[in-house]
Amino acid sequence: MSGFIHEWRLMARSRLALAAVALLLALSTLAVVLGTREITREQRTMDHLATLQAQELAAQARKYAQGADAGSAAYYTFHSTWSPPSSAAFLAIGLRDASPYVLRIRALALQAQLHEGESFNPELALAGRFDFAFVLVYLAPLFLIALLHDLVSGERQSGRLGTLLSMPGAGGRLWLRRAGLRTALVLAALMLPVLLGGWANGTAGVALATVALVTAAYLAFWSGLTLIVATRASDSTASATMLMGCWAVLTLVLPTLASATLTRTVPVRQGVELMLAQRQAVHGAWDLPRETTMAQFFRTHPELQRTSPLPAGFHWKWYYAFQQLGDESVAPQVAAYRDGLLARQHWTARLGWLLPGVGVQAALHRQAGTDLSAQLAYQDRIADFHARLRGFYYPYLFNDVRFGPQDFAAQPRFDPPSSDEPMPVGSLLGLAWLGATMLLLGARAAGRVRLFPRSRI
């Protein structure tokens, strides 16, 4: 314990080191505050839309006080769907910054409604949000490099290294103690705002423990890597240059190359393409014989085949039949689209076992419920609700039953997906393996410090 107290006294004399820790604390606090504000804004938006939805439903219900056509009710009634943020979403905004978390759904063709919200300005989405995940992945390694790059070379350049190495018990414990203290301060600067933000947002203890484990594993990786370079470099400039190159390669170059390779290897059609293909199928149905459309519809809905025949002119059941067929026409493309997205996510999770920054983002976004799996779960919940909505209206439409106020009140209600997310065990194991391996290599390098470096970096 006395050794750590002594190291703290030495570090306290370095205003630059203390300023670096204070700056990281400020950045982490800012990230947590901005993330909390964004999630609060989303929650207020959902609450406001819920109020507007209730008012709109009440206005629509008055139109059917004397009874009316169910097709008109299905066409003009919008139903709100929403994906509530998890209690840890303020830490990693993820896809909630680009994908819709609120959608209004009708009983019409589904795919066009699902992917209408994909139209956004890509330049605005490119930078992403300044959240805790950004601070941890991109900024925290820079602060560790600033604090540890001259761990040995600074003592060598000042002429104190020979004296330190001659002291009893110097070995690797001295450098590990110094690196451990500075890494612990970086960990505290990162986690203190997270704990306060978690308390303010009601985040579960399991989620906070996951974030702490992810942060500790990531810092262990960079601490070990910094020890390896710092104990072998001839001077502080060479050490800082090498470590900055490692940071650029591991956090920018390799993830970008991996993403580009994954995009080419696992091609995925855009959701907008599905929307256009589905709309073309729906619009083309206006020119097809109605009997052909109904015969095709009854193949998948034989229970409705014995209903009354189509009258002359327009009828709602023909309209909703070809809306249904529009979704069925793109069902293979939708399945391929989802399979491609899931394949990309699967390979991204595997990359997290090799690239720590990728693993951190995968773990945090999974725990926060802001990744692709959460977005697809929301779409699945919408699809289930849409199927219930169609199933509710079809008996009215195909049996020519009048639609009254009691029927309007009995419409299905959307059930949002759960905001509780499981612990990302796979990503945690990958980060733990990377962090432990690099830390062991760093400890080994710390035990082999020489007065004069064997190799110059």
Protein backbone atom coordinates (compact mmCIF):
# COMPACT_ATOMS: atom_id res chain seq x y z
CA MET A 1 0.00 0.00 0.00
CA SER A 2 2.86 2.37 0.80
CA GLY A 3 4.13 1.88 -2.76
CA PHE A 4 0.83 3.06 -4.24
CA ILE A 5 0.78 6.04 -1.86
CA HIS A 6 4.25 6.98 -3.00
CA GLU A 7 3.27 6.66 -6.65
CA TRP A 8 0.22 8.82 -6.02
CA ARG A 9 2.38 11.53 -4.50
CA LEU A 10 4.65 11.44 -7.53
CA MET A 11 1.73 11.63 -9.91
CA ALA A 12 0.09 14.44 -7.92
CA ARG A 13 3.14 16.57 -8.67
CA SER A 14 2.47 16.23 -12.40
CA ARG A 15 -0.07 18.87 -13.30
CA LEU A 16 -0.26 17.51 -16.83
CA ALA A 17 -1.27 14.05 -15.61
CA LEU A 18 -3.89 15.42 -13.26
CA ALA A 19 -5.22 17.73 -15.98
CA ALA A 20 -5.51 14.75 -18.33
CA VAL A 21 -7.54 12.76 -15.79
CA ALA A 22 -9.73 15.79 -15.06
CA LEU A 23 -10.32 16.36 -18.77
CA LEU A 24 -11.31 12.74 -19.29
CA LEU A 25 -13.70 13.00 -16.33
CA ALA A 26 -15.23 16.10 -17.91
CA LEU A 27 -15.60 14.42 -21.31
CA SER A 28 -17.13 11.31 -19.79
CA THR A 29 -19.55 13.44 -17.80
CA LEU A 30 -20.48 15.41 -20.90
CA ALA A 31 -21.09 12.19 -22.84
CA VAL A 32 -23.36 10.81 -20.11
CA VAL A 33 -25.27 14.10 -19.86
CA LEU A 34 -25.76 14.33 -23.63
CA GLY A 35 -26.82 10.69 -23.81
CA THR A 36 -29.31 11.20 -21.00
CA ARG A 37 -30.71 14.31 -22.71
CA GLU A 38 -31.14 12.40 -25.97
CA ILE A 39 -32.98 9.51 -24.30
CA THR A 40 -35.12 11.98 -22.34
CA ARG A 41 -35.98 13.74 -25.59
CA GLU A 42 -36.97 10.43 -27.17
CA GLN A 43 -39.14 9.55 -24.18
CA ARG A 44 -40.87 12.93 -24.31
CA THR A 45 -41.47 12.45 -28.03
CA MET A 46 -43.08 9.07 -27.41
CA ASP A 47 -45.23 10.47 -24.58
CA HIS A 48 -46.34 13.37 -26.78
CA LEU A 49 -47.17 11.07 -29.68
CA ALA A 50 -49.13 8.82 -27.33
CA THR A 51 -51.26 11.80 -26.35
CA LEU A 52 -51.79 12.78 -29.98
CA GLN A 53 -52.63 9.18 -30.86
CA ALA A 54 -55.30 9.05 -28.15
CA GLN A 55 -56.81 12.29 -29.45
CA GLU A 56 -56.76 11.04 -33.04
CA LEU A 57 -58.39 7.72 -32.10
CA ALA A 58 -61.10 9.58 -30.21
CA ALA A 59 -61.76 11.77 -33.25
CA GLN A 60 -61.88 8.74 -35.53
CA ALA A 61 -64.21 6.88 -33.17
CA ARG A 62 -66.82 9.65 -33.42
CA LYS A 63 -67.08 8.99 -37.16
CA TYR A 64 -68.36 5.47 -36.49
CA ALA A 65 -70.93 6.30 -33.84
CA GLN A 66 -73.71 5.23 -36.23
CA GLY A 67 -71.73 2.44 -37.85
CA ALA A 68 -69.75 2.53 -41.09
CA ASP A 69 -67.62 0.50 -43.46
CA ALA A 70 -64.73 -1.39 -41.85
CA GLY A 71 -62.52 -0.75 -44.87
CA SER A 72 -62.72 2.97 -44.31
CA ALA A 73 -61.82 2.53 -40.64
CA ALA A 74 -58.82 0.36 -41.52
CA TYR A 75 -57.63 2.85 -44.12
CA TYR A 76 -57.89 6.06 -42.13
CA THR A 77 -56.92 4.81 -38.67
CA PHE A 78 -53.25 5.03 -37.81
CA HIS A 79 -51.82 3.03 -34.92
CA SER A 80 -48.71 4.16 -33.08
CA THR A 81 -45.87 1.75 -32.44
CA TRP A 82 -42.81 2.58 -30.41
CA SER A 83 -39.60 1.07 -29.09
CA PRO A 84 -38.94 2.32 -25.54
CA PRO A 85 -35.28 2.92 -24.68
CA SER A 86 -33.61 0.69 -22.15
CA SER A 87 -32.30 2.12 -18.90
CA ALA A 88 -28.75 1.86 -20.30
CA ALA A 89 -29.48 3.41 -23.70
CA PHE A 90 -27.95 6.74 -22.63
CA LEU A 91 -24.50 5.12 -22.73
CA ALA A 92 -24.59 4.02 -26.37
CA ILE A 93 -27.21 5.57 -28.68
CA GLY A 94 -26.36 3.17 -31.52
CA LEU A 95 -28.97 2.70 -34.23
CA ARG A 96 -31.57 4.77 -32.39
CA ASP A 97 -29.79 7.77 -33.90
CA ALA A 98 -30.56 6.65 -37.46
CA SER A 99 -33.45 4.16 -37.31
CA PRO A 100 -36.99 5.14 -36.33
CA TYR A 101 -38.05 4.32 -32.77
CA VAL A 102 -41.66 5.44 -33.45
CA LEU A 103 -43.78 4.36 -36.44
CA ARG A 104 -47.44 4.84 -37.32
CA ILE A 105 -48.92 1.72 -38.90
CA ARG A 106 -52.10 1.06 -40.88
CA ALA A 107 -53.59 -2.20 -42.11
CA LEU A 108 -52.09 -1.59 -45.55
CA ALA A 109 -48.98 -3.27 -47.00
CA LEU A 110 -46.39 -3.44 -44.26
CA GLN A 111 -42.94 -3.24 -45.88
CA ALA A 112 -43.44 0.24 -47.30
CA GLN A 113 -44.45 1.46 -43.86
CA LEU A 114 -41.51 -0.20 -42.12
CA HIS A 115 -38.84 1.32 -44.33
CA GLU A 116 -40.27 4.79 -44.94
CA GLY A 117 -38.36 5.96 -41.88
CA GLU A 118 -34.99 5.03 -43.40
CA SER A 119 -34.82 8.31 -45.33
CA PHE A 120 -32.46 10.56 -43.40
CA ASN A 121 -29.52 12.80 -44.12
CA PRO A 122 -26.48 10.49 -44.22
CA GLU A 123 -24.11 13.37 -43.47
CA LEU A 124 -25.88 13.96 -40.17
CA ALA A 125 -25.78 10.28 -39.26
CA LEU A 126 -22.13 9.84 -40.26
CA ALA A 127 -20.58 11.43 -37.20
CA GLY A 128 -22.89 9.68 -34.76
CA ARG A 129 -23.61 10.79 -31.24
CA PHE A 130 -21.05 11.89 -28.69
CA ASP A 131 -21.88 9.24 -26.12
CA PHE A 132 -20.01 7.16 -23.58
CA ALA A 133 -19.24 4.46 -26.16
CA PHE A 134 -17.45 7.07 -28.29
CA VAL A 135 -15.43 8.36 -25.34
CA LEU A 136 -14.42 4.85 -24.29
CA VAL A 137 -13.50 3.49 -27.72
CA TYR A 138 -11.74 6.50 -29.23
CA LEU A 139 -10.67 8.88 -26.47
CA ALA A 140 -9.81 6.72 -23.46
CA PRO A 141 -6.84 5.02 -25.23
CA LEU A 142 -5.41 8.45 -26.07
CA PHE A 143 -5.45 9.44 -22.40
CA LEU A 144 -3.79 6.17 -21.41
CA ILE A 145 -1.11 6.76 -24.02
CA ALA A 146 -0.55 10.27 -22.68
CA LEU A 147 -0.20 8.96 -19.12
CA LEU A 148 1.90 5.85 -19.80
CA HIS A 149 3.97 6.42 -22.94
CA ASP A 150 6.97 7.84 -21.00
CA LEU A 151 6.71 5.45 -18.10
CA VAL A 152 10.24 4.11 -18.64
CA SER A 153 11.73 6.45 -21.22
CA GLY A 154 11.04 9.46 -19.00
CA GLU A 155 13.11 7.92 -16.21
CA ARG A 156 15.82 6.96 -18.70
CA GLN A 157 16.05 10.45 -20.17
CA SER A 158 16.19 12.04 -16.72
CA GLY A 159 18.99 9.68 -15.63
CA ARG A 160 17.02 8.06 -12.80
CA LEU A 161 16.43 4.68 -14.44
CA GLY A 162 19.71 3.14 -13.26
CA THR A 163 18.95 4.10 -9.67
CA LEU A 164 15.42 2.72 -9.87
CA LEU A 165 16.61 -0.58 -11.32
CA SER A 166 19.19 -0.97 -8.59
CA MET A 167 16.62 -0.64 -5.84
CA PRO A 168 15.47 -3.86 -4.10
CA GLY A 169 12.29 -5.25 -5.57
CA ALA A 170 12.27 -2.84 -8.50
CA GLY A 171 11.74 -5.44 -11.21
CA GLY A 172 8.43 -5.23 -13.03
CA ARG A 173 6.38 -4.42 -9.95
CA LEU A 174 7.44 -0.77 -10.03
CA TRP A 175 6.17 -0.24 -13.59
CA LEU A 176 3.07 -2.31 -13.00
CA ARG A 177 2.29 -0.27 -9.89
CA ARG A 178 2.68 2.99 -11.75
CA ALA A 179 0.69 1.80 -14.74
CA GLY A 180 -1.96 0.27 -12.48
CA LEU A 181 -2.47 3.50 -10.55
CA ARG A 182 -2.82 5.60 -13.68
CA THR A 183 -5.11 3.07 -15.35
CA ALA A 184 -7.25 2.96 -12.20
CA LEU A 185 -7.59 6.75 -12.30
CA VAL A 186 -8.65 6.55 -15.96
CA LEU A 187 -11.16 3.84 -15.04
CA ALA A 188 -12.52 5.99 -12.22
CA ALA A 189 -12.80 9.03 -14.50
CA LEU A 190 -14.83 6.95 -16.94
CA MET A 191 -17.03 5.04 -14.53
CA LEU A 192 -17.93 7.71 -11.99
CA PRO A 193 -20.20 9.61 -14.44
CA VAL A 194 -21.60 6.28 -15.64
CA LEU A 195 -22.59 5.27 -12.12
CA LEU A 196 -24.19 8.65 -11.44
CA GLY A 197 -25.97 8.54 -14.79
CA GLY A 198 -27.11 4.99 -14.11
CA TRP A 199 -28.55 6.07 -10.77
CA ALA A 200 -30.36 9.00 -12.42
CA ASN A 201 -31.74 6.80 -15.22
CA GLY A 202 -32.64 3.83 -13.04
CA THR A 203 -30.19 1.52 -14.78
CA ALA A 204 -30.10 -2.04 -13.47
CA GLY A 205 -27.05 -3.16 -11.52
CA VAL A 206 -26.36 -5.95 -14.01
CA ALA A 207 -26.15 -3.44 -16.87
CA LEU A 208 -23.78 -1.20 -14.91
CA ALA A 209 -21.64 -4.21 -13.99
CA THR A 210 -21.46 -5.13 -17.67
CA VAL A 211 -20.34 -1.62 -18.60
CA ALA A 212 -17.71 -1.71 -15.84
CA LEU A 213 -16.38 -5.07 -17.07
CA VAL A 214 -16.26 -3.86 -20.68
CA THR A 215 -14.45 -0.68 -19.64
CA ALA A 216 -11.96 -2.54 -17.44
CA ALA A 217 -11.19 -5.11 -20.15
CA TYR A 218 -10.67 -2.42 -22.80
CA LEU A 219 -8.38 -0.39 -20.54
CA ALA A 220 -6.47 -3.56 -19.65
CA PHE A 221 -5.82 -4.15 -23.35
CA TRP A 222 -4.47 -0.66 -23.92
CA SER A 223 -2.51 -0.64 -20.69
CA GLY A 224 -0.79 -3.87 -21.66
CA LEU A 225 -0.06 -2.62 -25.17
CA THR A 226 1.29 0.67 -23.81
CA LEU A 227 3.55 -1.19 -21.37
CA ILE A 228 4.97 -3.31 -24.19
CA VAL A 229 5.87 -0.26 -26.26
CA ALA A 230 6.89 2.01 -23.39
CA THR A 231 9.32 -0.51 -21.91
CA ARG A 232 11.08 -1.08 -25.26
CA ALA A 233 11.15 2.41 -26.74
CA SER A 234 14.40 4.37 -26.67
CA ASP A 235 12.74 7.72 -25.93
CA SER A 236 9.34 9.21 -25.22
CA THR A 237 8.83 10.56 -28.72
CA ALA A 238 9.34 7.15 -30.31
CA SER A 239 7.02 5.56 -27.74
CA ALA A 240 4.25 8.12 -28.32
CA THR A 241 4.59 7.85 -32.10
CA MET A 242 4.38 4.06 -32.06
CA LEU A 243 1.39 4.07 -29.70
CA MET A 244 -0.46 6.67 -31.76
CA GLY A 245 0.11 4.50 -34.81
CA CYS A 246 -1.32 1.50 -32.92
CA TRP A 247 -4.33 3.60 -31.91
CA ALA A 248 -4.97 4.70 -35.48
CA VAL A 249 -4.64 1.17 -36.85
CA LEU A 250 -6.73 -0.56 -34.17
CA THR A 251 -9.53 1.99 -33.86
CA LEU A 252 -9.75 3.51 -37.34
CA VAL A 253 -7.95 1.64 -40.12
CA LEU A 254 -8.66 -2.01 -39.35
CA PRO A 255 -12.34 -1.52 -38.37
CA THR A 256 -12.90 0.49 -41.56
CA LEU A 257 -11.23 -2.15 -43.72
CA ALA A 258 -13.15 -4.91 -41.95
CA SER A 259 -16.44 -3.07 -42.48
CA ALA A 260 -15.70 -2.55 -46.17
CA THR A 261 -14.74 -6.19 -46.59
CA LEU A 262 -17.86 -7.34 -44.76
CA THR A 263 -20.03 -5.11 -46.94
CA ARG A 264 -18.59 -6.64 -50.09
CA THR A 265 -18.61 -10.20 -48.78
CA VAL A 266 -22.16 -10.11 -47.39
CA PRO A 267 -24.14 -7.83 -49.72
CA VAL A 268 -27.49 -6.66 -48.37
CA ARG A 269 -30.22 -4.84 -50.24
CA GLN A 270 -31.39 -1.56 -48.78
CA GLY A 271 -34.75 -1.37 -47.05
CA VAL A 272 -35.76 1.35 -49.49
CA GLU A 273 -35.42 -1.20 -52.31
CA LEU A 274 -37.85 -3.49 -50.51
CA MET A 275 -40.24 -0.59 -50.11
CA LEU A 276 -40.11 0.22 -53.82
CA ALA A 277 -40.52 -3.41 -54.88
CA GLN A 278 -43.53 -3.81 -52.61
CA ARG A 279 -45.12 -0.60 -53.86
CA GLN A 280 -44.63 -1.64 -57.46
CA ALA A 281 -46.44 -4.90 -56.73
CA VAL A 282 -49.30 -3.03 -55.05
CA HIS A 283 -49.65 -0.40 -57.75
CA GLY A 284 -49.49 -3.02 -60.48
CA ALA A 285 -52.43 -4.86 -58.92
CA TRP A 286 -54.80 -2.09 -59.99
CA ASP A 287 -54.34 -3.22 -63.59
CA LEU A 288 -54.80 -6.94 -62.93
CA PRO A 289 -58.17 -8.74 -63.13
CA ARG A 290 -59.83 -8.71 -59.73
CA GLU A 291 -60.65 -12.41 -59.96
CA THR A 292 -56.97 -13.25 -60.44
CA THR A 293 -56.03 -11.20 -57.39
CA MET A 294 -58.70 -12.79 -55.20
CA ALA A 295 -57.82 -16.31 -56.34
CA GLN A 296 -54.18 -15.70 -55.41
CA PHE A 297 -55.20 -14.23 -52.07
CA PHE A 298 -57.43 -17.19 -51.20
CA ARG A 299 -54.49 -19.58 -51.63
CA THR A 300 -53.02 -18.25 -48.41
CA HIS A 301 -56.37 -17.41 -46.77
CA PRO A 302 -58.67 -20.34 -47.60
CA GLU A 303 -60.86 -19.61 -44.57
CA LEU A 304 -62.15 -16.48 -46.36
CA GLN A 305 -62.88 -18.15 -49.69
CA ARG A 306 -66.56 -18.88 -48.96
CA THR A 307 -67.43 -15.26 -48.33
CA SER A 308 -69.71 -13.26 -50.62
CA PRO A 309 -68.44 -12.63 -54.16
CA LEU A 310 -67.07 -9.30 -55.24
CA PRO A 311 -69.71 -6.82 -56.36
CA ALA A 312 -69.24 -4.60 -59.39
CA GLY A 313 -66.92 -1.68 -58.88
CA PHE A 314 -64.53 -1.00 -56.07
CA HIS A 315 -64.66 -3.08 -52.88
CA TRP A 316 -62.45 -2.85 -49.83
CA LYS A 317 -61.77 -6.57 -49.57
CA TRP A 318 -60.22 -6.57 -53.04
CA TYR A 319 -58.12 -3.55 -52.05
CA TYR A 320 -56.78 -5.19 -48.87
CA ALA A 321 -56.29 -8.47 -50.69
CA PHE A 322 -53.75 -6.97 -53.08
CA GLN A 323 -52.17 -5.04 -50.22
CA GLN A 324 -51.56 -8.41 -48.55
CA LEU A 325 -50.24 -9.86 -51.81
CA GLY A 326 -47.84 -6.93 -52.09
CA ASP A 327 -46.18 -8.03 -48.84
CA GLU A 328 -46.19 -11.67 -49.88
CA SER A 329 -44.53 -10.80 -53.21
CA VAL A 330 -41.43 -9.43 -51.45
CA ALA A 331 -41.33 -12.01 -48.64
CA PRO A 332 -38.27 -13.81 -50.11
CA GLN A 333 -36.41 -10.51 -50.46
CA VAL A 334 -37.33 -9.56 -46.89
CA ALA A 335 -36.02 -12.88 -45.57
CA ALA A 336 -32.77 -12.45 -47.54
CA TYR A 337 -32.49 -8.86 -46.27
CA ARG A 338 -32.80 -9.94 -42.64
CA ASP A 339 -30.47 -12.91 -43.09
CA GLY A 340 -27.85 -10.62 -44.60
CA LEU A 341 -28.11 -8.14 -41.74
CA LEU A 342 -27.86 -10.90 -39.14
CA ALA A 343 -24.88 -12.42 -40.95
CA ARG A 344 -23.11 -9.07 -40.86
CA GLN A 345 -23.83 -8.70 -37.16
CA HIS A 346 -22.59 -12.24 -36.52
CA TRP A 347 -19.29 -11.55 -38.26
CA THR A 348 -18.99 -8.19 -36.50
CA ALA A 349 -19.29 -9.97 -33.16
CA ARG A 350 -16.52 -12.32 -34.27
CA LEU A 351 -14.33 -9.36 -35.20
CA GLY A 352 -14.72 -8.19 -31.61
CA TRP A 353 -12.49 -11.10 -30.58
CA LEU A 354 -9.67 -9.56 -32.64
CA LEU A 355 -10.39 -5.82 -32.58
CA PRO A 356 -11.12 -4.54 -29.06
CA GLY A 357 -12.85 -1.36 -30.22
CA VAL A 358 -15.34 -3.39 -32.26
CA GLY A 359 -15.92 -5.68 -29.30
CA VAL A 360 -16.59 -2.74 -26.98
CA GLN A 361 -19.16 -1.22 -29.31
CA ALA A 362 -20.87 -4.57 -29.84
CA ALA A 363 -21.07 -5.20 -26.09
CA LEU A 364 -22.27 -1.71 -25.14
CA HIS A 365 -24.86 -1.49 -27.92
CA ARG A 366 -26.18 -4.96 -27.05
CA GLN A 367 -26.46 -4.10 -23.36
CA ALA A 368 -28.05 -0.74 -24.19
CA GLY A 369 -30.53 -2.33 -26.59
CA THR A 370 -29.51 -0.01 -29.42
CA ASP A 371 -27.99 -2.52 -31.85
CA LEU A 372 -29.36 -4.31 -34.90
CA SER A 373 -30.94 -7.09 -32.85
CA ALA A 374 -33.03 -4.57 -30.93
CA GLN A 375 -34.09 -2.84 -34.14
CA LEU A 376 -35.12 -6.14 -35.75
CA ALA A 377 -36.98 -7.14 -32.59
CA TYR A 378 -38.95 -3.89 -32.87
CA GLN A 379 -39.77 -4.64 -36.49
CA ASP A 380 -40.85 -8.17 -35.55
CA ARG A 381 -43.17 -6.75 -32.90
CA ILE A 382 -44.63 -4.37 -35.51
CA ALA A 383 -45.13 -7.28 -37.92
CA ASP A 384 -46.94 -9.29 -35.24
CA PHE A 385 -49.17 -6.33 -34.44
CA HIS A 386 -49.84 -5.72 -38.13
CA ALA A 387 -50.87 -9.37 -38.57
CA ARG A 388 -53.28 -9.06 -35.62
CA LEU A 389 -54.65 -5.86 -37.11
CA ARG A 390 -55.34 -7.53 -40.45
CA GLY A 391 -56.83 -10.53 -38.71
CA PHE A 392 -59.14 -8.22 -36.82
CA TYR A 393 -60.42 -6.39 -39.92
CA TYR A 394 -60.72 -9.30 -42.37
CA PRO A 395 -63.92 -10.79 -40.90
CA TYR A 396 -65.61 -7.39 -41.19
CA LEU A 397 -64.35 -6.78 -44.72
CA PHE A 398 -65.05 -10.18 -46.25
CA ASN A 399 -68.41 -10.71 -44.53
CA ASP A 400 -69.67 -7.13 -45.13
CA VAL A 401 -70.23 -6.52 -41.42
CA ARG A 402 -70.94 -2.98 -40.29
CA PHE A 403 -68.25 -1.40 -38.15
CA GLY A 404 -69.57 0.36 -35.04
CA PRO A 405 -68.09 2.19 -32.04
CA GLN A 406 -67.72 -1.01 -30.00
CA ASP A 407 -65.81 -2.60 -32.85
CA PHE A 408 -63.59 0.46 -33.13
CA ALA A 409 -62.79 0.26 -29.41
CA ALA A 410 -61.94 -3.44 -29.76
CA GLN A 411 -59.09 -2.88 -32.23
CA PRO A 412 -55.75 -4.46 -31.26
CA ARG A 413 -53.29 -2.38 -29.32
CA PHE A 414 -49.54 -2.41 -29.89
CA ASP A 415 -47.43 -4.12 -27.26
CA PRO A 416 -43.91 -2.61 -27.27
CA PRO A 417 -40.85 -4.87 -27.03
CA SER A 418 -39.15 -5.30 -23.69
CA SER A 419 -36.48 -2.73 -22.92
CA ASP A 420 -34.47 -5.18 -20.76
CA GLU A 421 -31.50 -6.57 -22.65
CA PRO A 422 -29.46 -9.66 -21.75
CA MET A 423 -25.80 -9.50 -20.83
CA PRO A 424 -23.60 -9.76 -23.97
CA VAL A 425 -21.68 -12.80 -22.77
CA GLY A 426 -19.91 -13.52 -26.06
CA SER A 427 -18.57 -9.99 -26.48
CA LEU A 428 -17.54 -9.91 -22.81
CA LEU A 429 -15.56 -13.13 -23.17
CA GLY A 430 -13.81 -11.79 -26.28
CA LEU A 431 -12.87 -8.54 -24.54
CA ALA A 432 -11.73 -10.39 -21.43
CA TRP A 433 -9.50 -12.62 -23.56
CA LEU A 434 -7.98 -9.66 -25.40
CA GLY A 435 -7.50 -7.62 -22.23
CA ALA A 436 -6.00 -10.46 -20.19
CA THR A 437 -3.66 -11.56 -23.00
CA MET A 438 -2.33 -8.07 -23.66
CA LEU A 439 -2.01 -7.32 -19.94
CA LEU A 440 0.04 -10.48 -19.37
CA LEU A 441 2.30 -9.56 -22.27
CA GLY A 442 2.66 -6.06 -20.84
CA ALA A 443 3.52 -7.41 -17.39
CA ARG A 444 6.13 -9.67 -18.95
CA ALA A 445 7.64 -6.73 -20.81
CA ALA A 446 7.66 -4.66 -17.61
CA GLY A 447 9.75 -7.32 -15.91
CA ARG A 448 12.44 -7.06 -18.59
CA VAL A 449 13.24 -3.36 -18.44
CA ARG A 450 16.93 -2.65 -19.08
CA LEU A 451 19.00 0.44 -18.58
CA PHE A 452 19.58 0.53 -22.32
CA PRO A 453 16.86 -0.78 -24.64
CA ARG A 454 17.76 -3.87 -26.65
CA SER A 455 15.93 -2.60 -29.69
CA ARG A 456 15.01 0.86 -30.76
CA ILE A 457 11.43 1.56 -31.86
